Each structure stands twice: as structure tokens, then as C-alpha cells.
Protein backbone atom coordinates (compact mmCIF):
# COMPACT_ATOMS: atom_id res chain seq x y z
CA MET A 1 0.18 0.02 -0.06
CA ALA A 2 1.26 3.41 -1.02
CA LYS A 3 2.00 5.95 1.78
CA ASN A 4 -0.18 9.11 1.50
CA THR A 5 2.60 11.79 0.84
CA HIS A 6 0.29 14.86 0.74
CA LEU A 7 0.70 17.24 3.58
CA PHE A 8 -1.75 20.14 4.25
CA ARG A 9 -1.65 23.12 6.47
CA VAL A 10 -5.27 23.92 7.95
CA GLN A 11 -5.88 27.28 9.46
CA PHE A 12 -9.10 27.94 11.24
CA ILE A 13 -10.63 29.83 13.92
CA SER A 14 -12.39 28.39 16.90
CA ASN A 15 -13.09 30.15 20.46
CA GLY A 16 -11.34 33.48 19.48
CA GLU A 17 -8.08 31.70 18.63
CA LYS A 18 -6.27 30.74 15.34
CA TYR A 19 -5.52 27.04 14.98
CA GLU A 20 -2.79 26.00 12.61
CA LEU A 21 -2.72 22.27 12.09
CA TYR A 22 -0.80 19.83 9.72
CA VAL A 23 -2.70 17.00 8.32
CA ARG A 24 -2.34 14.22 5.64
CA GLU A 25 -6.27 13.97 4.87
CA VAL A 26 -8.60 16.62 4.00
CA SER A 27 -11.96 16.30 2.34
CA GLN A 28 -15.31 17.78 2.05
CA GLY A 29 -16.81 15.29 4.33
CA SER A 30 -20.00 13.68 4.54
CA MET A 31 -21.77 16.20 6.80
CA PHE A 32 -22.94 19.31 4.95
CA GLY A 33 -21.23 22.59 5.81
CA PHE A 34 -18.13 20.89 7.27
CA VAL A 35 -14.56 20.08 6.07
CA GLU A 36 -13.23 16.78 7.26
CA VAL A 37 -9.55 16.70 8.48
CA GLY A 38 -7.56 13.62 9.75
CA ASP A 39 -4.28 11.90 10.11
CA PHE A 40 -2.60 14.71 12.28
CA VAL A 41 1.09 15.03 11.95
CA TRP A 42 2.92 16.61 14.97
CA ASP A 43 6.30 17.78 15.09
CA THR A 44 8.65 15.55 17.07
CA HIS A 45 10.85 18.12 19.08
CA THR A 46 14.43 17.40 19.11
CA SER A 47 15.56 20.38 21.25
CA LEU A 48 14.86 21.23 24.81
CA VAL A 49 12.69 24.07 23.81
CA VAL A 50 9.21 23.01 23.77
CA ASP A 51 6.47 25.44 22.39
CA PRO A 52 3.30 25.41 25.00
CA SER A 53 0.96 26.13 22.07
CA HIS A 54 2.11 23.04 20.29
CA GLU A 55 1.70 20.98 23.41
CA LYS A 56 -1.75 22.16 23.86
CA LEU A 57 -2.80 21.24 20.41
CA LYS A 58 -1.38 17.66 20.83
CA ASP A 59 -3.34 17.38 24.16
CA GLU A 60 -6.46 18.83 22.77
CA PHE A 61 -6.18 16.36 19.68
CA ALA A 62 -4.49 13.44 21.35
CA GLU A 63 -7.43 10.85 21.00
CA VAL A 64 -8.85 12.54 17.72
CA THR A 65 -8.55 10.64 14.27
CA GLN A 66 -10.63 12.82 12.23
CA THR A 67 -12.23 16.09 13.05
CA TYR A 68 -14.96 18.01 11.32
CA ILE A 69 -14.59 21.95 10.98
CA PRO A 70 -17.39 24.18 9.99
CA MET A 71 -16.77 25.64 6.51
CA HIS A 72 -17.02 29.24 7.60
CA SER A 73 -14.36 28.74 10.43
CA ILE A 74 -11.75 27.92 7.88
CA LEU A 75 -9.30 30.55 7.04
CA ARG A 76 -7.14 28.62 4.64
CA ILE A 77 -6.06 25.15 3.50
CA ASP A 78 -2.80 24.74 1.89
CA GLU A 79 -0.81 21.83 0.45
CA VAL A 80 2.80 22.18 1.48
CA LYS A 81 5.97 20.42 0.84
CA LYS A 82 7.57 20.82 4.37
CA GLN A 83 5.92 20.76 7.75
CA GLY A 84 5.95 23.79 9.90
CA ILE A 85 5.19 24.08 13.46
CA SER A 86 1.45 23.45 14.77
CA LYS A 87 0.22 26.12 16.88
CA ILE A 88 -2.42 28.17 18.38
CA THR A 89 -2.45 32.06 18.46
CA GLN A 90 -4.82 34.25 20.22
CA LEU A 91 -6.84 36.68 18.06
CA SER A 92 -7.05 40.24 18.38
CA ASP A 93 -10.11 41.95 19.32
CA LYS A 94 -10.42 43.47 15.94
CA VAL A 95 -10.90 39.83 14.33
CA THR A 96 -14.42 38.28 15.04
CA ALA A 97 -16.03 34.93 13.50
CA PHE A 98 -18.40 35.02 10.59
CA PRO A 99 -21.56 35.81 12.13
CA ASN A 100 -24.09 33.87 10.06
CA PRO A 101 -24.36 30.47 9.02
CA ILE A 102 -23.75 29.57 5.32
CA TYR A 103 -27.12 27.71 4.86
CA THR A 104 -30.17 28.99 6.26
CA PRO A 105 -33.54 26.99 5.33
CA LYS A 106 -36.20 29.07 4.31
CA SER A 107 -39.61 28.30 5.98
């Protein structure tokens, strides 16, 4: 079986924070309005310096194999050649989440 060599950087907003993850699987998903990401790739630190936001991400997604992110929370998805550092950054007060859902059923 061939190894999946695609690597994606997924950036999204959740609870006032910007998440940046590296994953090998990205798809539209089976649930309408969600992007499915899976096969998380974590940096294996070889130095003594440990990034607390990276460790927070690893703890948050420790038991997760697939996650569904609402489309309106996605900032960007890039296919990359080289892995960077997964991290969480605090958003400034000037950035807010998209206020309305993408799909609103008509009554």
C-alpha cells in the first residue's frame, strides 16, 4: 500500500483563537457545511525548547483521528511540501468570527 505523501496546513478559527494544524487528509466530508481533516502530523521536538501552544494542540487532539471543522471557520487550506510548527495563536479584538451560517433554510 502506497504511503500518503500529501501534507496540508489547515488554518481555522475556534473560540477566539487561530489554529494551525498539519494533516495528511482533507475532504469535504459527509456532513454538509463541514471540512473533514484527519491523520494529524505532529512535530517531534529534538531540542529542549518546547512550544506550549504546540503541546496544547497535541493534548486537545490526542485521541482524535478525524475532526469536522465548520466551513465558515476555515481561513485557508494549503498543500505544503514541508511541515511547519502546529500552533494556536490568540486573535486580536478586531477579528471576529463570521456571524451568520452559510445555509439558512427557508420556512
